[in-house]
C-alpha atoms as a PDB file:
ATOM      1  CA  MET A   1       0.000   0.000   0.000  1.00  0.00           C
ATOM      2  CA  ARG A   2       2.855   2.345   0.851  1.00  0.00           C
ATOM      3  CA  HIS A   3       4.362   1.791  -2.633  1.00  0.00           C
ATOM      4  CA  PHE A   4       1.013   2.639  -4.238  1.00  0.00           C
ATOM      5  CA  TYR A   5       0.875   6.058  -2.549  1.00  0.00           C
ATOM      6  CA  SER A   6       4.537   6.671  -3.368  1.00  0.00           C
ATOM      7  CA  TYR A   7       3.873   6.075  -7.047  1.00  0.00           C
ATOM      8  CA  ARG A   8       0.828   8.375  -6.967  1.00  0.00           C
ATOM      9  CA  LEU A   9       2.872  11.124  -5.295  1.00  0.00           C
ATOM     10  CA  LEU A  10       5.703  10.734  -7.820  1.00  0.00           C
ATOM     11  CA  THR A  11       3.240  10.892 -10.723  1.00  0.00           C
ATOM     12  CA  LEU A  12       1.641  14.053  -9.284  1.00  0.00           C
ATOM     13  CA  LEU A  13       5.012  15.783  -8.915  1.00  0.00           C
ATOM     14  CA  ILE A  14       5.949  14.923 -12.493  1.00  0.00           C
ATOM     15  CA  LEU A  15       2.679  16.366 -13.775  1.00  0.00           C
ATOM     16  CA  LEU A  16       3.054  19.545 -11.744  1.00  0.00           C
ATOM     17  CA  ALA A  17       6.741  20.118 -12.481  1.00  0.00           C
ATOM     18  CA  PRO A  18       6.342  21.733 -15.914  1.00  0.00           C
ATOM     19  CA  GLY A  19       3.929  24.268 -14.469  1.00  0.00           C
ATOM     20  CA  ILE A  20       6.287  25.019 -11.600  1.00  0.00           C
ATOM     21  CA  ILE A  21       9.397  25.363 -13.701  1.00  0.00           C
ATOM     22  CA  PHE A  22       7.935  26.882 -16.866  1.00  0.00           C
ATOM     23  CA  SER A  23       5.128  29.182 -15.668  1.00  0.00           C
ATOM     24  CA  GLN A  24       3.935  31.659 -18.291  1.00  0.00           C
ATOM     25  CA  LEU A  25       4.495  35.353 -17.675  1.00  0.00           C
ATOM     26  CA  SER A  26       1.872  37.881 -16.637  1.00  0.00           C
ATOM     27  CA  GLY A  27       2.217  41.204 -14.828  1.00  0.00           C
ATOM     28  CA  THR A  28       5.126  43.557 -14.174  1.00  0.00           C
ATOM     29  CA  TYR A  29       8.766  42.478 -13.827  1.00  0.00           C
ATOM     30  CA  THR A  30      11.997  44.416 -13.345  1.00  0.00           C
ATOM     31  CA  ILE A  31      15.239  44.139 -15.302  1.00  0.00           C
ATOM     32  CA  GLY A  32      18.571  45.168 -13.816  1.00  0.00           C
ATOM     33  CA  ALA A  33      20.669  44.774 -10.681  1.00  0.00           C
ATOM     34  CA  GLY A  34      18.434  43.476  -7.910  1.00  0.00           C
ATOM     35  CA  GLY A  35      15.478  42.997 -10.248  1.00  0.00           C
ATOM     36  CA  ASP A  36      13.550  39.929 -11.338  1.00  0.00           C
ATOM     37  CA  TYR A  37      15.930  39.598 -14.303  1.00  0.00           C
ATOM     38  CA  THR A  38      19.537  40.730 -14.364  1.00  0.00           C
ATOM     39  CA  THR A  39      19.657  41.191 -18.153  1.00  0.00           C
ATOM     40  CA  PHE A  40      17.390  41.723 -21.135  1.00  0.00           C
ATOM     41  CA  SER A  41      18.588  38.373 -22.452  1.00  0.00           C
ATOM     42  CA  ASP A  42      17.255  36.575 -19.385  1.00  0.00           C
ATOM     43  CA  ALA A  43      13.840  38.175 -19.829  1.00  0.00           C
ATOM     44  CA  ALA A  44      13.840  37.396 -23.565  1.00  0.00           C
ATOM     45  CA  ASP A  45      14.691  33.757 -22.861  1.00  0.00           C
ATOM     46  CA  ASP A  46      11.630  33.381 -20.634  1.00  0.00           C
ATOM     47  CA  LEU A  47       9.409  35.066 -23.211  1.00  0.00           C
ATOM     48  CA  ASN A  48      10.680  32.714 -25.898  1.00  0.00           C
ATOM     49  CA  THR A  49      10.371  29.610 -23.735  1.00  0.00           C
ATOM     50  CA  ASP A  50       7.288  30.221 -21.610  1.00  0.00           C
ATOM     51  CA  GLY A  51       5.098  32.768 -23.404  1.00  0.00           C
ATOM     52  CA  VAL A  52       2.506  34.949 -21.654  1.00  0.00           C
ATOM     53  CA  THR A  53      -0.958  34.616 -20.167  1.00  0.00           C
ATOM     54  CA  GLY A  54      -1.635  38.333 -19.722  1.00  0.00           C
ATOM     55  CA  THR A  55      -0.154  41.777 -20.266  1.00  0.00           C
ATOM     56  CA  VAL A  56       3.569  41.781 -19.475  1.00  0.00           C
ATOM     57  CA  THR A  57       5.624  44.873 -18.639  1.00  0.00           C
ATOM     58  CA  PHE A  58       9.368  44.864 -18.066  1.00  0.00           C
ATOM     59  CA  ASP A  59      10.401  47.950 -16.082  1.00  0.00           C
ATOM     60  CA  VAL A  60      14.101  48.499 -16.667  1.00  0.00           C
ATOM     61  CA  ILE A  61      16.107  49.796 -13.715  1.00  0.00           C
ATOM     62  CA  SER A  62      18.268  52.831 -14.533  1.00  0.00           C
ATOM     63  CA  GLY A  63      21.724  51.915 -15.752  1.00  0.00           C
ATOM     64  CA  SER A  64      23.830  50.856 -18.722  1.00  0.00           C
ATOM     65  CA  TYR A  65      23.446  47.415 -20.298  1.00  0.00           C
ATOM     66  CA  ASN A  66      25.994  46.003 -22.718  1.00  0.00           C
ATOM     67  CA  GLU A  67      24.183  43.192 -24.504  1.00  0.00           C
ATOM     68  CA  GLN A  68      21.974  42.057 -27.366  1.00  0.00           C
ATOM     69  CA  PHE A  69      18.864  39.891 -27.292  1.00  0.00           C
ATOM     70  CA  ALA A  70      16.537  38.099 -29.700  1.00  0.00           C
ATOM     71  CA  ILE A  71      12.803  37.500 -29.381  1.00  0.00           C
ATOM     72  CA  GLY A  72      10.817  35.145 -31.589  1.00  0.00           C
ATOM     73  CA  GLY A  73       7.148  34.276 -31.677  1.00  0.00           C
ATOM     74  CA  ILE A  74       5.725  34.663 -28.160  1.00  0.00           C
ATOM     75  CA  SER A  75       3.050  32.175 -27.140  1.00  0.00           C
ATOM     76  CA  GLY A  76      -0.113  33.816 -25.813  1.00  0.00           C
ATOM     77  CA  VAL A  77       0.377  37.381 -27.074  1.00  0.00           C
ATOM     78  CA  SER A  78      -2.617  39.240 -28.468  1.00  0.00           C
ATOM     79  CA  ALA A  79      -4.097  42.728 -28.677  1.00  0.00           C
ATOM     80  CA  SER A  80      -4.917  42.433 -24.958  1.00  0.00           C
ATOM     81  CA  ASN A  81      -1.838  40.413 -23.936  1.00  0.00           C
ATOM     82  CA  THR A  82       0.981  42.726 -25.004  1.00  0.00           C
ATOM     83  CA  VAL A  83       4.666  42.862 -24.034  1.00  0.00           C
ATOM     84  CA  THR A  84       6.388  46.154 -23.123  1.00  0.00           C
ATOM     85  CA  PHE A  85      10.005  46.992 -22.330  1.00  0.00           C
ATOM     86  CA  GLN A  86      10.312  50.448 -20.778  1.00  0.00           C
ATOM     87  CA  ALA A  87      12.515  52.559 -18.528  1.00  0.00           C
ATOM     88  CA  GLN A  88      11.268  52.310 -14.963  1.00  0.00           C
ATOM     89  CA  SER A  89      11.897  56.046 -14.514  1.00  0.00           C
ATOM     90  CA  GLY A  90      10.035  57.000 -17.687  1.00  0.00           C
ATOM     91  CA  ASP A  91      13.140  58.776 -19.022  1.00  0.00           C
ATOM     92  CA  ALA A  92      15.067  57.311 -21.964  1.00  0.00           C
ATOM     93  CA  ALA A  93      18.274  58.955 -20.735  1.00  0.00           C
ATOM     94  CA  ASP A  94      18.265  56.685 -17.672  1.00  0.00           C
ATOM     95  CA  VAL A  95      18.586  53.376 -19.555  1.00  0.00           C
ATOM     96  CA  THR A  96      21.179  52.745 -22.271  1.00  0.00           C
ATOM     97  CA  ILE A  97      21.544  49.425 -24.098  1.00  0.00           C
ATOM     98  CA  SER A  98      24.750  49.152 -26.128  1.00  0.00           C
ATOM     99  CA  TYR A  99      26.320  46.505 -28.297  1.00  0.00           C
ATOM    100  CA  THR A 100      29.219  46.299 -30.763  1.00  0.00           C
ATOM    101  CA  ALA A 101      28.494  43.827 -33.568  1.00  0.00           C
ATOM    102  CA  SER A 102      31.362  41.938 -35.145  1.00  0.00           C
ATOM    103  CA  GLY A 103      29.649  40.598 -38.278  1.00  0.00           C
ATOM    104  CA  SER A 104      26.405  40.048 -40.140  1.00  0.00           C
ATOM    105  CA  SER A 105      25.201  37.272 -37.834  1.00  0.00           C
ATOM    106  CA  ASP A 106      25.142  39.451 -34.714  1.00  0.00           C
ATOM    107  CA  ASN A 107      24.269  42.765 -36.355  1.00  0.00           C
ATOM    108  CA  TYR A 108      21.573  43.924 -33.946  1.00  0.00           C
ATOM    109  CA  ILE A 109      20.855  45.003 -30.423  1.00  0.00           C
ATOM    110  CA  VAL A 110      17.266  43.733 -30.645  1.00  0.00           C
ATOM    111  CA  GLN A 111      16.249  41.064 -33.136  1.00  0.00           C
ATOM    112  CA  LEU A 112      12.550  40.329 -33.645  1.00  0.00           C
ATOM    113  CA  ASP A 113      11.559  37.288 -35.709  1.00  0.00           C
ATOM    114  CA  ASN A 114       7.832  36.570 -36.160  1.00  0.00           C
ATOM    115  CA  THR A 115       7.198  38.649 -33.041  1.00  0.00           C
ATOM    116  CA  ASP A 116       3.787  40.226 -32.355  1.00  0.00           C
ATOM    117  CA  HIS A 117       2.320  42.858 -30.034  1.00  0.00           C
ATOM    118  CA  ILE A 118       5.520  44.236 -28.543  1.00  0.00           C
ATOM    119  CA  MET A 119       6.540  47.747 -27.457  1.00  0.00           C
ATOM    120  CA  PHE A 120       9.820  49.466 -26.605  1.00  0.00           C
ATOM    121  CA  LYS A 121       9.385  52.755 -24.771  1.00  0.00           C
ATOM    122  CA  ASN A 122      11.665  55.350 -23.177  1.00  0.00           C
ATOM    123  CA  LEU A 123      14.912  53.468 -23.835  1.00  0.00           C
ATOM    124  CA  SER A 124      18.244  54.532 -25.358  1.00  0.00           C
ATOM    125  CA  PHE A 125      20.072  52.273 -27.801  1.00  0.00           C
ATOM    126  CA  ASN A 126      23.668  52.811 -28.844  1.00  0.00           C
ATOM    127  CA  THR A 127      25.287  50.618 -31.489  1.00  0.00           C
ATOM    128  CA  THR A 128      28.999  51.182 -31.857  1.00  0.00           C
ATOM    129  CA  GLY A 129      30.233  48.758 -34.531  1.00  0.00           C
ATOM    130  CA  SER A 130      32.528  50.169 -37.194  1.00  0.00           C
ATOM    131  CA  SER A 131      31.169  47.912 -39.981  1.00  0.00           C
ATOM    132  CA  TYR A 132      27.900  46.531 -38.552  1.00  0.00           C
ATOM    133  CA  ALA A 133      25.666  48.789 -36.516  1.00  0.00           C
ATOM    134  CA  ARG A 134      21.923  48.036 -36.538  1.00  0.00           C
ATOM    135  CA  VAL A 135      19.722  48.602 -33.523  1.00  0.00           C
ATOM    136  CA  PHE A 136      16.537  46.715 -34.505  1.00  0.00           C
ATOM    137  CA  ASP A 137      16.646  43.790 -36.926  1.00  0.00           C
ATOM    138  CA  LEU A 138      13.106  42.770 -37.994  1.00  0.00           C
ATOM    139  CA  ARG A 139      12.512  39.435 -39.687  1.00  0.00           C
ATOM    140  CA  ASN A 140       9.584  37.706 -41.373  1.00  0.00           C
ATOM    141  CA  ASN A 141       6.115  38.362 -39.973  1.00  0.00           C
ATOM    142  CA  VAL A 142       6.578  41.049 -37.313  1.00  0.00           C
ATOM    143  CA  ASP A 143       3.196  42.518 -36.353  1.00  0.00           C
ATOM    144  CA  HIS A 144       2.048  45.321 -34.055  1.00  0.00           C
ATOM    145  CA  LEU A 145       5.483  46.692 -33.211  1.00  0.00           C
ATOM    146  CA  THR A 146       5.713  49.995 -31.326  1.00  0.00           C
ATOM    147  CA  ILE A 147       8.925  51.960 -30.796  1.00  0.00           C
ATOM    148  CA  ASP A 148       8.059  55.082 -28.835  1.00  0.00           C
ATOM    149  CA  GLN A 149      10.059  57.864 -27.184  1.00  0.00           C
ATOM    150  CA  CYS A 150      13.375  56.072 -27.620  1.00  0.00           C
ATOM    151  CA  GLU A 151      16.785  57.362 -28.642  1.00  0.00           C
ATOM    152  CA  LEU A 152      18.635  55.340 -31.275  1.00  0.00           C
ATOM    153  CA  SER A 153      22.263  56.203 -32.003  1.00  0.00           C
ATOM    154  CA  GLY A 154      24.353  54.567 -34.695  1.00  0.00           C
ATOM    155  CA  SER A 155      27.819  54.802 -36.122  1.00  0.00           C
ATOM    156  CA  PRO A 156      28.623  57.955 -38.109  1.00  0.00           C
ATOM    157  CA  THR A 157      28.962  56.914 -41.744  1.00  0.00           C
ATOM    158  CA  THR A 158      28.518  58.181 -45.281  1.00  0.00           C
ATOM    159  CA  SER A 159      27.736  54.656 -46.512  1.00  0.00           C
ATOM    160  CA  SER A 160      24.367  53.660 -47.975  1.00  0.00           C
ATOM    161  CA  SER A 161      24.820  50.095 -46.667  1.00  0.00           C
ATOM    162  CA  THR A 162      21.905  48.704 -44.700  1.00  0.00           C
ATOM    163  CA  ASN A 163      24.445  47.237 -42.268  1.00  0.00           C
ATOM    164  CA  TYR A 164      24.214  50.603 -40.517  1.00  0.00           C
ATOM    165  CA  ALA A 165      20.399  51.047 -40.602  1.00  0.00           C
ATOM    166  CA  LEU A 166      19.027  51.777 -37.135  1.00  0.00           C
ATOM    167  CA  ILE A 167      15.643  50.104 -37.695  1.00  0.00           C
ATOM    168  CA  TYR A 168      16.035  47.504 -40.423  1.00  0.00           C
ATOM    169  CA  GLY A 169      13.635  44.988 -41.930  1.00  0.00           C
ATOM    170  CA  ASP A 170      13.814  43.264 -45.313  1.00  0.00           C
ATOM    171  CA  ASP A 171      11.464  40.673 -46.821  1.00  0.00           C
ATOM    172  CA  LEU A 172       8.837  41.654 -44.265  1.00  0.00           C
ATOM    173  CA  ASN A 173       5.208  40.589 -44.574  1.00  0.00           C
ATOM    174  CA  GLY A 174       3.957  41.931 -41.247  1.00  0.00           C
ATOM    175  CA  THR A 175       1.602  44.752 -40.396  1.00  0.00           C
ATOM    176  CA  ASP A 176       1.135  47.662 -37.985  1.00  0.00           C
ATOM    177  CA  PHE A 177       4.449  49.379 -37.310  1.00  0.00           C
ATOM    178  CA  LEU A 178       4.210  52.406 -35.014  1.00  0.00           C
ATOM    179  CA  ILE A 179       7.404  54.484 -34.775  1.00  0.00           C
ATOM    180  CA  THR A 180       6.710  57.685 -32.865  1.00  0.00           C
ATOM    181  CA  ASP A 181       8.427  60.449 -30.891  1.00  0.00           C
ATOM    182  CA  ASN A 182      11.928  58.992 -31.226  1.00  0.00           C
ATOM    183  CA  THR A 183      15.334  60.566 -31.760  1.00  0.00           C
ATOM    184  CA  PHE A 184      17.599  59.033 -34.417  1.00  0.00           C
ATOM    185  CA  ILE A 185      21.255  59.997 -34.667  1.00  0.00           C
ATOM    186  CA  ASP A 186      23.680  58.812 -37.390  1.00  0.00           C
ATOM    187  CA  GLY A 187      23.676  55.434 -39.130  1.00  0.00           C
ATOM    188  CA  SER A 188      22.971  54.984 -42.852  1.00  0.00           C
ATOM    189  CA  SER A 189      19.169  55.055 -42.403  1.00  0.00           C
ATOM    190  CA  ALA A 190      16.909  55.876 -39.494  1.00  0.00           C
ATOM    191  CA  VAL A 191      14.156  53.556 -40.758  1.00  0.00           C
ATOM    192  CA  TYR A 192      14.650  51.032 -43.571  1.00  0.00           C
ATOM    193  CA  LEU A 193      11.638  48.740 -44.092  1.00  0.00           C
ATOM    194  CA  ARG A 194      11.008  46.636 -47.168  1.00  0.00           C
ATOM    195  CA  GLY A 195       8.294  44.127 -47.951  1.00  0.00           C
ATOM    196  CA  VAL A 196       8.883  40.928 -49.896  1.00  0.00           C
ATOM    197  CA  SER A 197       7.622  42.052 -53.308  1.00  0.00           C
ATOM    198  CA  SER A 198       4.782  43.907 -55.016  1.00  0.00           C
ATOM    199  CA  ALA A 199       2.725  40.723 -54.572  1.00  0.00           C
ATOM    200  CA  SER A 200       3.627  40.283 -50.885  1.00  0.00           C
ATOM    201  CA  ARG A 201       3.741  43.571 -49.039  1.00  0.00           C
ATOM    202  CA  ALA A 202       4.122  44.778 -45.500  1.00  0.00           C
ATOM    203  CA  SER A 203       1.400  47.204 -44.446  1.00  0.00           C
ATOM    204  CA  ASN A 204       0.156  49.863 -42.084  1.00  0.00           C
ATOM    205  CA  SER A 205       3.034  51.926 -40.764  1.00  0.00           C
ATOM    206  CA  VAL A 206       2.853  55.187 -38.832  1.00  0.00           C
ATOM    207  CA  ILE A 207       6.138  57.101 -38.591  1.00  0.00           C
ATOM    208  CA  GLU A 208       5.358  60.283 -36.716  1.00  0.00           C
ATOM    209  CA  ASN A 209       6.995  63.085 -34.771  1.00  0.00           C
ATOM    210  CA  ASN A 210      10.543  61.729 -34.948  1.00  0.00           C
ATOM    211  CA  ASP A 211      13.741  63.785 -34.932  1.00  0.00           C
ATOM    212  CA  ILE A 212      16.277  62.402 -37.426  1.00  0.00           C
ATOM    213  CA  SER A 213      19.757  63.863 -37.893  1.00  0.00           C
ATOM    214  CA  GLY A 214      23.278  62.966 -38.956  1.00  0.00           C
ATOM    215  CA  ASP A 215      25.090  62.055 -42.132  1.00  0.00           C
ATOM    216  CA  LEU A 216      22.397  59.555 -43.134  1.00  0.00           C
ATOM    217  CA  TYR A 217      22.004  58.312 -46.693  1.00  0.00           C
ATOM    218  CA  TYR A 218      18.264  57.714 -46.151  1.00  0.00           C
ATOM    219  CA  GLY A 219      16.102  59.303 -43.517  1.00  0.00           C
ATOM    220  CA  ILE A 220      13.146  56.965 -44.059  1.00  0.00           C
ATOM    221  CA  TYR A 221      13.122  54.201 -46.684  1.00  0.00           C
ATOM    222  CA  LEU A 222       9.939  52.229 -47.433  1.00  0.00           C
ATOM    223  CA  SER A 223       9.449  49.772 -50.280  1.00  0.00           C
ATOM    224  CA  TYR A 224       6.679  47.258 -51.070  1.00  0.00           C
ATOM    225  CA  PHE A 225       4.443  48.788 -48.410  1.00  0.00           C
ATOM    226  CA  ASN A 226       0.703  49.439 -48.340  1.00  0.00           C
ATOM    227  CA  ASN A 227      -0.962  52.147 -46.288  1.00  0.00           C
ATOM    228  CA  HIS A 228       1.505  54.274 -44.392  1.00  0.00           C
ATOM    229  CA  GLU A 229       1.654  57.672 -42.740  1.00  0.00           C
ATOM    230  CA  ILE A 230       4.822  59.752 -42.444  1.00  0.00           C
ATOM    231  CA  THR A 231       3.869  62.883 -40.542  1.00  0.00           C
ATOM    232  CA  GLN A 232       5.348  65.658 -38.405  1.00  0.00           C
ATOM    233  CA  ASN A 233       8.937  64.447 -38.597  1.00  0.00           C
ATOM    234  CA  LEU A 234      11.987  66.701 -38.465  1.00  0.00           C
ATOM    235  CA  LEU A 235      14.916  65.570 -40.633  1.00  0.00           C
ATOM    236  CA  GLU A 236      18.366  66.881 -41.370  1.00  0.00           C
ATOM    237  CA  VAL A 237      20.135  64.246 -43.483  1.00  0.00           C
ATOM    238  CA  ARG A 238      22.655  63.948 -46.284  1.00  0.00           C
ATOM    239  CA  ASN A 239      21.030  62.334 -49.322  1.00  0.00           C
ATOM    240  CA  TYR A 240      17.375  61.176 -49.309  1.00  0.00           C
ATOM    241  CA  GLY A 241      14.876  62.532 -46.823  1.00  0.00           C
ATOM    242  CA  PHE A 242      12.112  60.062 -47.718  1.00  0.00           C
ATOM    243  CA  TYR A 243      12.640  57.261 -50.239  1.00  0.00           C
ATOM    244  CA  LEU A 244       9.302  55.654 -51.129  1.00  0.00           C
ATOM    245  CA  GLN A 245       9.173  52.913 -53.750  1.00  0.00           C
ATOM    246  CA  ASP A 246       6.128  50.869 -54.712  1.00  0.00           C
ATOM    247  CA  THR A 247       4.141  52.143 -51.728  1.00  0.00           C
ATOM    248  CA  ASP A 248       0.447  51.814 -52.501  1.00  0.00           C
ATOM    249  CA  GLY A 249      -2.941  52.332 -50.924  1.00  0.00           C
ATOM    250  CA  ARG A 250      -3.664  55.073 -48.428  1.00  0.00           C
ATOM    251  CA  VAL A 251      -0.385  56.991 -48.198  1.00  0.00           C
ATOM    252  CA  ARG A 252       0.091  60.238 -46.274  1.00  0.00           C
ATOM    253  CA  VAL A 253       3.310  62.269 -46.250  1.00  0.00           C
ATOM    254  CA  GLU A 254       2.312  65.404 -44.394  1.00  0.00           C
ATOM    255  CA  ASN A 255       3.583  68.197 -42.164  1.00  0.00           C
ATOM    256  CA  ASN A 256       7.234  67.163 -42.263  1.00  0.00           C
ATOM    257  CA  ARG A 257      10.237  69.453 -42.252  1.00  0.00           C
ATOM    258  CA  LEU A 258      13.221  68.188 -44.243  1.00  0.00           C
ATOM    259  CA  GLN A 259      16.668  69.543 -44.910  1.00  0.00           C
ATOM    260  CA  THR A 260      18.948  67.558 -47.199  1.00  0.00           C
ATOM    261  CA  ARG A 261      22.518  68.337 -48.149  1.00  0.00           C
ATOM    262  CA  LEU A 262      22.735  66.357 -51.402  1.00  0.00           C
ATOM    263  CA  SER A 263      20.267  64.779 -53.801  1.00  0.00           C
ATOM    264  CA  TYR A 264      16.599  64.326 -52.839  1.00  0.00           C
ATOM    265  CA  GLY A 265      14.089  65.666 -50.340  1.00  0.00           C
ATOM    266  CA  ILE A 266      11.117  63.410 -51.085  1.00  0.00           C
ATOM    267  CA  TYR A 267      11.604  60.656 -53.661  1.00  0.00           C
ATOM    268  CA  ILE A 268       8.490  58.657 -54.590  1.00  0.00           C
ATOM    269  CA  VAL A 269       8.356  56.180 -57.468  1.00  0.00           C
ATOM    270  CA  SER A 270       6.075  53.439 -58.836  1.00  0.00           C
ATOM    271  CA  SER A 271       3.358  54.093 -56.256  1.00  0.00           C
ATOM    272  CA  GLU A 272      -0.400  54.120 -56.667  1.00  0.00           C
ATOM    273  CA  GLY A 273      -3.075  55.487 -54.384  1.00  0.00           C
ATOM    274  CA  ASN A 274      -6.412  53.853 -53.758  1.00  0.00           C
ATOM    275  CA  ALA A 275      -9.740  55.672 -53.320  1.00  0.00           C
ATOM    276  CA  ASP A 276      -8.069  57.762 -50.588  1.00  0.00           C
ATOM    277  CA  ARG A 277      -5.178  58.621 -52.969  1.00  0.00           C
ATOM    278  CA  LEU A 278      -1.536  59.279 -52.257  1.00  0.00           C
ATOM    279  CA  ARG A 279      -1.099  62.633 -50.572  1.00  0.00           C
ATOM    280  CA  ILE A 280       2.051  64.719 -50.130  1.00  0.00           C
ATOM    281  CA  ALA A 281       0.963  67.867 -48.338  1.00  0.00           C
ATOM    282  CA  ASN A 282       2.115  70.705 -46.101  1.00  0.00           C
ATOM    283  CA  ASN A 283       5.770  69.714 -46.079  1.00  0.00           C
ATOM    284  CA  PHE A 284       8.711  72.116 -45.964  1.00  0.00           C
ATOM    285  CA  LEU A 285      11.818  70.995 -47.878  1.00  0.00           C
ATOM    286  CA  SER A 286      15.132  72.777 -48.246  1.00  0.00           C
ATOM    287  CA  ASN A 287      18.393  71.809 -49.944  1.00  0.00           C
ATOM    288  CA  THR A 288      21.735  73.596 -49.906  1.00  0.00           C
ATOM    289  CA  TYR A 289      23.664  71.442 -52.391  1.00  0.00           C
ATOM    290  CA  THR A 290      25.362  73.178 -55.326  1.00  0.00           C
ATOM    291  CA  GLY A 291      25.111  70.183 -57.674  1.00  0.00           C
ATOM    292  CA  THR A 292      22.110  68.475 -59.263  1.00  0.00           C
ATOM    293  CA  ASN A 293      19.402  67.901 -56.700  1.00  0.00           C
ATOM    294  CA  TYR A 294      15.657  67.482 -56.406  1.00  0.00           C
ATOM    295  CA  GLY A 295      13.353  68.853 -53.756  1.00  0.00           C
ATOM    296  CA  LEU A 296      10.388  66.643 -54.690  1.00  0.00           C
ATOM    297  CA  TYR A 297      10.957  63.877 -57.244  1.00  0.00           C
ATOM    298  CA  THR A 298       8.075  61.752 -58.567  1.00  0.00           C
ATOM    299  CA  ASN A 299       8.249  59.034 -61.211  1.00  0.00           C
ATOM    300  CA  ASN A 300       5.549  56.688 -62.499  1.00  0.00           C
ATOM    301  CA  ASN A 301       2.992  57.398 -59.775  1.00  0.00           C
ATOM    302  CA  SER A 302      -0.804  57.443 -60.020  1.00  0.00           C
ATOM    303  CA  ASN A 303      -3.643  58.932 -57.995  1.00  0.00           C
ATOM    304  CA  LEU A 304      -1.294  61.407 -56.342  1.00  0.00           C
ATOM    305  CA  ASP A 305      -2.070  64.777 -54.752  1.00  0.00           C
ATOM    306  CA  ILE A 306       0.742  67.275 -54.110  1.00  0.00           C
ATOM    307  CA  TYR A 307      -0.754  70.094 -52.032  1.00  0.00           C
ATOM    308  CA  HIS A 308       0.532  73.099 -50.068  1.00  0.00           C
ATOM    309  CA  ASN A 309       4.228  72.169 -49.960  1.00  0.00           C
ATOM    310  CA  SER A 310       7.120  74.639 -49.796  1.00  0.00           C
ATOM    311  CA  VAL A 311      10.303  73.536 -51.569  1.00  0.00           C
ATOM    312  CA  HIS A 312      13.374  75.790 -51.479  1.00  0.00           C
ATOM    313  CA  LEU A 313      16.674  75.089 -53.236  1.00  0.00           C
ATOM    314  CA  THR A 314      19.235  77.715 -52.323  1.00  0.00           C
ATOM    315  CA  ARG A 315      22.438  77.064 -54.290  1.00  0.00           C
ATOM    316  CA  SER A 316      21.875  74.773 -57.283  1.00  0.00           C
ATOM    317  CA  SER A 317      21.939  75.974 -60.878  1.00  0.00           C
ATOM    318  CA  SER A 318      21.158  72.395 -61.984  1.00  0.00           C
ATOM    319  CA  GLY A 319      18.503  71.532 -59.419  1.00  0.00           C
ATOM    320  CA  TYR A 320      14.749  71.035 -59.586  1.00  0.00           C
ATOM    321  CA  ALA A 321      12.370  72.023 -56.807  1.00  0.00           C
ATOM    322  CA  LEU A 322       9.791  69.683 -58.430  1.00  0.00           C
ATOM    323  CA  TYR A 323      10.645  66.989 -60.951  1.00  0.00           C
ATOM    324  CA  GLN A 324       7.802  64.913 -62.405  1.00  0.00           C
ATOM    325  CA  THR A 325       8.527  62.134 -64.896  1.00  0.00           C
ATOM    326  CA  GLY A 326       7.355  58.692 -65.975  1.00  0.00           C
ATOM    327  CA  SER A 327       4.032  57.301 -67.142  1.00  0.00           C
ATOM    328  CA  GLY A 328       1.884  57.962 -64.065  1.00  0.00           C
ATOM    329  CA  ASN A 329      -1.574  59.514 -64.248  1.00  0.00           C
ATOM    330  CA  ASP A 330      -4.163  61.453 -62.259  1.00  0.00           C
ATOM    331  CA  ILE A 331      -1.708  63.729 -60.464  1.00  0.00           C
ATOM    332  CA  ASN A 332      -2.889  66.988 -58.887  1.00  0.00           C
ATOM    333  CA  ILE A 333      -0.326  69.686 -58.046  1.00  0.00           C
ATOM    334  CA  VAL A 334      -2.053  72.543 -56.215  1.00  0.00           C
ATOM    335  CA  ASN A 335      -1.035  75.584 -54.110  1.00  0.00           C
ATOM    336  CA  ASN A 336       2.637  74.764 -53.662  1.00  0.00           C
ATOM    337  CA  ILE A 337       5.677  77.045 -53.504  1.00  0.00           C
ATOM    338  CA  PHE A 338       8.553  75.789 -55.638  1.00  0.00           C
ATOM    339  CA  ALA A 339      11.625  78.037 -55.532  1.00  0.00           C
ATOM    340  CA  ASN A 340      15.212  77.676 -56.725  1.00  0.00           C
ATOM    341  CA  PHE A 341      17.392  80.599 -55.685  1.00  0.00           C
ATOM    342  CA  GLY A 342      20.464  79.022 -57.251  1.00  0.00           C
ATOM    343  CA  GLY A 343      19.298  79.669 -60.819  1.00  0.00           C
ATOM    344  CA  GLY A 344      18.039  76.164 -61.633  1.00  0.00           C
ATOM    345  CA  TYR A 345      14.508  74.994 -62.278  1.00  0.00           C
ATOM    346  CA  ALA A 346      11.630  75.576 -59.923  1.00  0.00           C
END
């Protein structure tokens, strides 16, 4: 009889053990010295292994963290069961995550692969690699990603290589990217997001109220994207302010202020609006380059409205404040100011 009860007790412990050891996450946890997790990597490991059963918030204790971490698909996440990493103090200056990549395989501070419903808020990221220097590396089907009130600093470079892009995603087929109220400094691109193809697009991005500066080749690069809003951003970059290729549907590029030092302010090609049309409106663009440059360049676009923009070129005798080419149709250009004080074309 004693053996019978021993076997029953052993069986019960075996059944309960997975729940004891691998309990799913729910609630608020701290990261840092003396917290629930010492490192971001520890917290990411539990997310990857255990998943969530409710809303999860990681409050990061003030300090500097030298590490990288990767998060995949998280079991249990949803619109109501979200995951947030944020500074405990509410101030991005209090938490800095740094990493120096050595090659293409570790070129990220945060890697997200098929990750949904995740937010990063009030954090500073500093990537210091001389040849590889991404902050966020997005892969496959990333959905409902929010990056809000963060500071992202990259390596100073004049290269166009995506190895230096601060937020990078290629061959994406996810949806709902919210990038708001951040500061971007240096790197080759602040935001570089590209869908798979014209037949398999990423969709629904809002890039709003960001401050982007440095010797960047691209401020914001979007390709193979449906339905996006780029609004109220302040940019001072080297080559392209906004590079938009094959971006269809409801597109809004409004109320931005751009200063470029070389070629293009807003570059939009091969894009087609839907019933809501593409709209480029109420932007201020300036360019101080003496060579050939373009304030607003459009090529092969359809269902496009260009309203109430001010484009000023100050030094180029071979520049164009507006340059329209290609086989697009149904384009309205209304109430804009196009000026070239360098003697080139308005």
